[in-house]
């Protein structure tokens, strides 16, 4: 798809492009480029996170792989039948080649690692065109899960919807105007939310139980 090629070569945000260029010098074996989505465009579920972590997706080249967030996300996906295995990493700490997503796709609101893991509002807006094109390119899309407030805002912007009408919270379900997919929201599965107790494994997996009801296995 042309939008995927555009993402791979995107240098629209000078601060992010310069940051990645510096990391390519420091860590030449890491991915250190815009991180592509993981999963097929024919999936009925799209999961949207904030952006790649420095030693996670920015290193491995796969969203939510190599950091605490992936240690919560992929087991939940596996438990509810959206992933083939629970372990995001292989024995050498690279992305697990046995991992297959089942009727799901994972992407980010911002594709490039920002300094201090904090993209600016302008960078989030600049990357939104990529997310809009990605959503448009998914013909069977039935549900979107936004992980965290930034992802939630990015999804609504991509769909041209007003945030005030669809508030963010944990394990919320928003029926969007037809023919748009249903929007689910969750606290981000970050190490901070996990350590502080804002998010538990049970409360996170309850979101996927709701998603499984919205997107039953083998239907559609």
Protein backbone atom coordinates (compact mmCIF):
# COMPACT_ATOMS: atom_id res chain seq x y z
CA UNK A 1 0.00 0.00 0.00
CA UNK A 2 1.30 3.46 -0.85
CA UNK A 3 0.54 4.86 2.61
CA UNK A 4 2.74 2.18 4.18
CA UNK A 5 5.61 3.18 1.90
CA UNK A 6 4.99 6.81 2.84
CA UNK A 7 5.22 5.95 6.53
CA UNK A 8 8.48 4.05 6.08
CA UNK A 9 10.16 7.05 4.46
CA UNK A 10 8.42 9.86 6.40
CA UNK A 11 10.62 12.71 7.69
CA UNK A 12 7.80 15.25 8.12
CA UNK A 13 8.73 16.02 11.74
CA UNK A 14 12.27 17.49 11.87
CA UNK A 15 12.75 16.88 15.60
CA UNK A 16 11.80 13.22 15.31
CA UNK A 17 13.83 12.67 12.14
CA UNK A 18 16.91 14.16 13.80
CA UNK A 19 16.38 12.05 16.92
CA UNK A 20 16.22 8.84 14.89
CA UNK A 21 19.25 9.83 12.83
CA UNK A 22 21.22 10.22 16.05
CA UNK A 23 20.05 6.84 17.32
CA UNK A 24 21.09 5.17 14.06
CA UNK A 25 24.61 6.37 14.77
CA UNK A 26 24.51 5.23 18.40
CA UNK A 27 22.61 1.95 17.93
CA UNK A 28 23.10 0.78 14.34
CA UNK A 29 21.53 -2.64 15.02
CA UNK A 30 18.19 -1.17 16.12
CA UNK A 31 15.23 -0.40 13.83
CA UNK A 32 15.48 3.40 14.39
CA UNK A 33 12.93 4.33 11.68
CA UNK A 34 9.18 4.90 11.63
CA UNK A 35 7.62 1.72 13.03
CA UNK A 36 5.18 -0.04 10.69
CA UNK A 37 1.90 -1.51 11.87
CA UNK A 38 1.74 -5.22 12.73
CA UNK A 39 -1.08 -7.33 11.31
CA UNK A 40 -3.17 -7.44 8.17
CA UNK A 41 -5.31 -4.67 6.71
CA UNK A 42 -8.12 -7.24 6.41
CA UNK A 43 -8.38 -7.43 10.22
CA UNK A 44 -11.61 -6.46 11.95
CA UNK A 45 -9.83 -5.09 15.05
CA UNK A 46 -7.37 -2.18 15.04
CA UNK A 47 -5.42 -1.40 18.24
CA UNK A 48 -3.92 2.09 18.43
CA UNK A 49 -1.19 3.00 20.91
CA UNK A 50 0.76 6.21 21.50
CA UNK A 51 4.15 5.57 19.90
CA UNK A 52 7.22 3.32 19.92
CA UNK A 53 9.35 2.99 23.04
CA UNK A 54 13.08 3.53 22.71
CA UNK A 55 14.11 0.00 23.67
CA UNK A 56 10.82 -1.50 22.58
CA UNK A 57 9.36 -1.02 19.12
CA UNK A 58 12.08 1.44 18.11
CA UNK A 59 14.58 -1.36 18.69
CA UNK A 60 12.59 -4.34 17.37
CA UNK A 61 10.55 -2.67 14.61
CA UNK A 62 7.27 -4.15 15.89
CA UNK A 63 4.68 -2.20 17.95
CA UNK A 64 4.52 -3.05 21.67
CA UNK A 65 7.46 -5.45 21.48
CA UNK A 66 10.36 -5.25 23.91
CA UNK A 67 8.78 -3.26 26.74
CA UNK A 68 6.35 -3.74 29.62
CA UNK A 69 3.37 -2.65 27.53
CA UNK A 70 3.83 -5.61 25.21
CA UNK A 71 4.13 -7.98 28.17
CA UNK A 72 0.54 -7.03 29.02
CA UNK A 73 -0.86 -6.59 25.51
CA UNK A 74 0.24 -9.75 23.74
CA UNK A 75 -0.81 -12.22 26.47
CA UNK A 76 -4.24 -10.56 26.49
CA UNK A 77 -4.47 -10.84 22.71
CA UNK A 78 -3.46 -14.49 22.88
CA UNK A 79 -5.90 -15.34 25.67
CA UNK A 80 -8.82 -13.98 23.65
CA UNK A 81 -7.76 -15.52 20.34
CA UNK A 82 -6.34 -12.43 18.62
CA UNK A 83 -2.71 -13.68 18.65
CA UNK A 84 -1.09 -17.05 18.06
CA UNK A 85 1.34 -16.90 21.01
CA UNK A 86 1.64 -14.84 24.19
CA UNK A 87 5.37 -14.11 24.10
CA UNK A 88 6.25 -10.97 22.10
CA UNK A 89 10.00 -11.64 22.18
CA UNK A 90 12.15 -14.52 20.94
CA UNK A 91 15.02 -15.96 23.00
CA UNK A 92 17.44 -13.39 21.54
CA UNK A 93 15.11 -10.50 22.57
CA UNK A 94 14.03 -9.81 18.98
CA UNK A 95 10.42 -9.81 17.79
CA UNK A 96 9.04 -13.34 18.08
CA UNK A 97 8.83 -14.75 14.52
CA UNK A 98 6.13 -17.20 15.63
CA UNK A 99 3.79 -14.36 16.58
CA UNK A 100 0.79 -14.05 14.28
CA UNK A 101 -2.14 -11.75 14.85
CA UNK A 102 -5.58 -13.21 14.17
CA UNK A 103 -8.09 -10.70 12.79
CA UNK A 104 -6.20 -7.87 14.53
CA UNK A 105 -3.74 -5.14 13.62
CA UNK A 106 -1.61 -2.96 15.92
CA UNK A 107 -0.49 0.56 15.07
CA UNK A 108 0.46 3.82 16.81
CA UNK A 109 -0.73 7.41 16.76
CA UNK A 110 2.91 8.47 16.28
CA UNK A 111 5.18 6.19 14.24
CA UNK A 112 8.57 7.62 15.27
CA UNK A 113 10.22 7.53 18.68
CA UNK A 114 10.10 11.02 20.24
CA UNK A 115 12.74 12.32 22.64
CA UNK A 116 11.81 11.39 26.24
CA UNK A 117 8.87 9.42 24.79
CA UNK A 118 6.85 12.65 24.53
CA UNK A 119 5.60 13.72 21.10
CA UNK A 120 4.48 17.30 20.69
CA UNK A 121 0.89 18.12 19.72
CA UNK A 122 2.15 19.21 16.29
CA UNK A 123 3.88 15.83 15.78
CA UNK A 124 0.74 13.95 16.76
CA UNK A 125 -1.27 16.02 14.26
CA UNK A 126 1.33 15.53 11.52
CA UNK A 127 1.16 11.74 11.90
CA UNK A 128 -2.63 11.69 11.94
CA UNK A 129 -2.88 11.58 8.15
CA UNK A 130 -1.12 8.20 8.23
CA UNK A 131 -3.64 6.87 10.75
CA UNK A 132 -6.55 8.20 8.70
CA UNK A 133 -5.31 6.46 5.57
CA UNK A 134 -4.70 3.25 7.49
CA UNK A 135 -8.24 3.16 8.87
CA UNK A 136 -9.65 3.89 5.42
CA UNK A 137 -7.61 1.00 3.99
CA UNK A 138 -9.21 -1.57 6.34
CA UNK A 139 -12.38 -2.74 4.55
CA UNK A 140 -13.58 -5.13 7.29
CA UNK A 141 -12.81 -2.92 10.28
CA UNK A 142 -15.43 -3.44 13.01
CA UNK A 143 -13.74 -2.14 16.17
CA UNK A 144 -10.91 0.17 17.21
CA UNK A 145 -9.25 0.02 20.61
CA UNK A 146 -7.52 3.23 21.69
CA UNK A 147 -4.87 2.65 24.36
CA UNK A 148 -4.54 5.89 26.31
CA UNK A 149 -5.80 9.41 25.88
CA UNK A 150 -3.42 10.42 23.10
CA UNK A 151 -4.43 7.45 20.96
CA UNK A 152 -8.09 8.14 21.71
CA UNK A 153 -7.75 11.74 20.52
CA UNK A 154 -5.81 10.66 17.44
CA UNK A 155 -8.49 8.15 16.44
CA UNK A 156 -11.27 10.73 16.81
CA UNK A 157 -9.26 13.26 14.79
CA UNK A 158 -8.67 10.68 12.07
CA UNK A 159 -12.40 9.94 11.97
CA UNK A 160 -13.25 13.68 12.10
CA UNK A 161 -15.28 13.32 15.30
CA UNK A 162 -15.52 15.70 18.28
CA UNK A 163 -13.71 14.43 21.41
CA UNK A 164 -16.31 16.00 23.70
CA UNK A 165 -18.94 13.61 22.33
CA UNK A 166 -16.85 10.49 22.98
CA UNK A 167 -15.04 10.84 26.32
CA UNK A 168 -12.00 8.80 27.23
CA UNK A 169 -12.02 6.32 30.09
CA UNK A 170 -11.14 2.76 30.89
CA UNK A 171 -13.17 -0.01 29.24
CA UNK A 172 -15.63 2.31 27.52
CA UNK A 173 -17.54 1.44 24.34
CA UNK A 174 -18.63 4.19 21.94
CA UNK A 175 -21.03 3.44 19.10
CA UNK A 176 -19.88 5.80 16.35
CA UNK A 177 -22.04 7.03 13.46
CA UNK A 178 -22.52 4.39 10.77
CA UNK A 179 -20.61 3.09 8.90
CA UNK A 180 -17.73 3.78 11.30
CA UNK A 181 -16.38 1.01 13.55
CA UNK A 182 -17.15 0.81 17.26
CA UNK A 183 -14.60 2.61 19.43
CA UNK A 184 -13.30 1.05 22.66
CA UNK A 185 -11.00 2.88 25.08
CA UNK A 186 -8.58 1.65 27.73
CA UNK A 187 -5.90 3.02 29.95
CA UNK A 188 -2.56 2.48 28.25
CA UNK A 189 -0.81 -0.75 29.27
CA UNK A 190 2.33 1.17 30.18
CA UNK A 191 4.78 0.21 32.87
CA UNK A 192 3.75 3.34 34.81
CA UNK A 193 0.06 2.39 34.87
CA UNK A 194 0.97 -1.17 35.77
CA UNK A 195 3.34 -0.18 38.62
CA UNK A 196 1.00 2.39 40.13
CA UNK A 197 -1.97 0.03 40.12
CA UNK A 198 -4.05 2.17 37.80
CA UNK A 199 -4.26 -0.84 35.52
CA UNK A 200 -4.25 -4.50 36.52
CA UNK A 201 -4.04 -7.54 34.30
CA UNK A 202 -7.67 -8.36 35.08
CA UNK A 203 -8.95 -4.85 34.34
CA UNK A 204 -6.96 -4.76 31.11
CA UNK A 205 -8.14 -8.16 29.95
CA UNK A 206 -11.76 -7.15 30.65
CA UNK A 207 -11.40 -4.79 27.67
CA UNK A 208 -10.52 -7.72 25.42
CA UNK A 209 -13.47 -9.71 26.71
CA UNK A 210 -15.68 -6.85 25.51
CA UNK A 211 -13.83 -6.70 22.21
CA UNK A 212 -14.30 -10.43 21.70
CA UNK A 213 -18.05 -9.97 22.08
CA UNK A 214 -17.96 -7.16 19.50
CA UNK A 215 -15.76 -9.14 17.11
CA UNK A 216 -16.70 -12.81 17.58
CA UNK A 217 -14.20 -15.35 16.29
CA UNK A 218 -14.78 -16.51 12.75
CA UNK A 219 -17.59 -14.04 11.97
CA UNK A 220 -17.64 -11.27 9.40
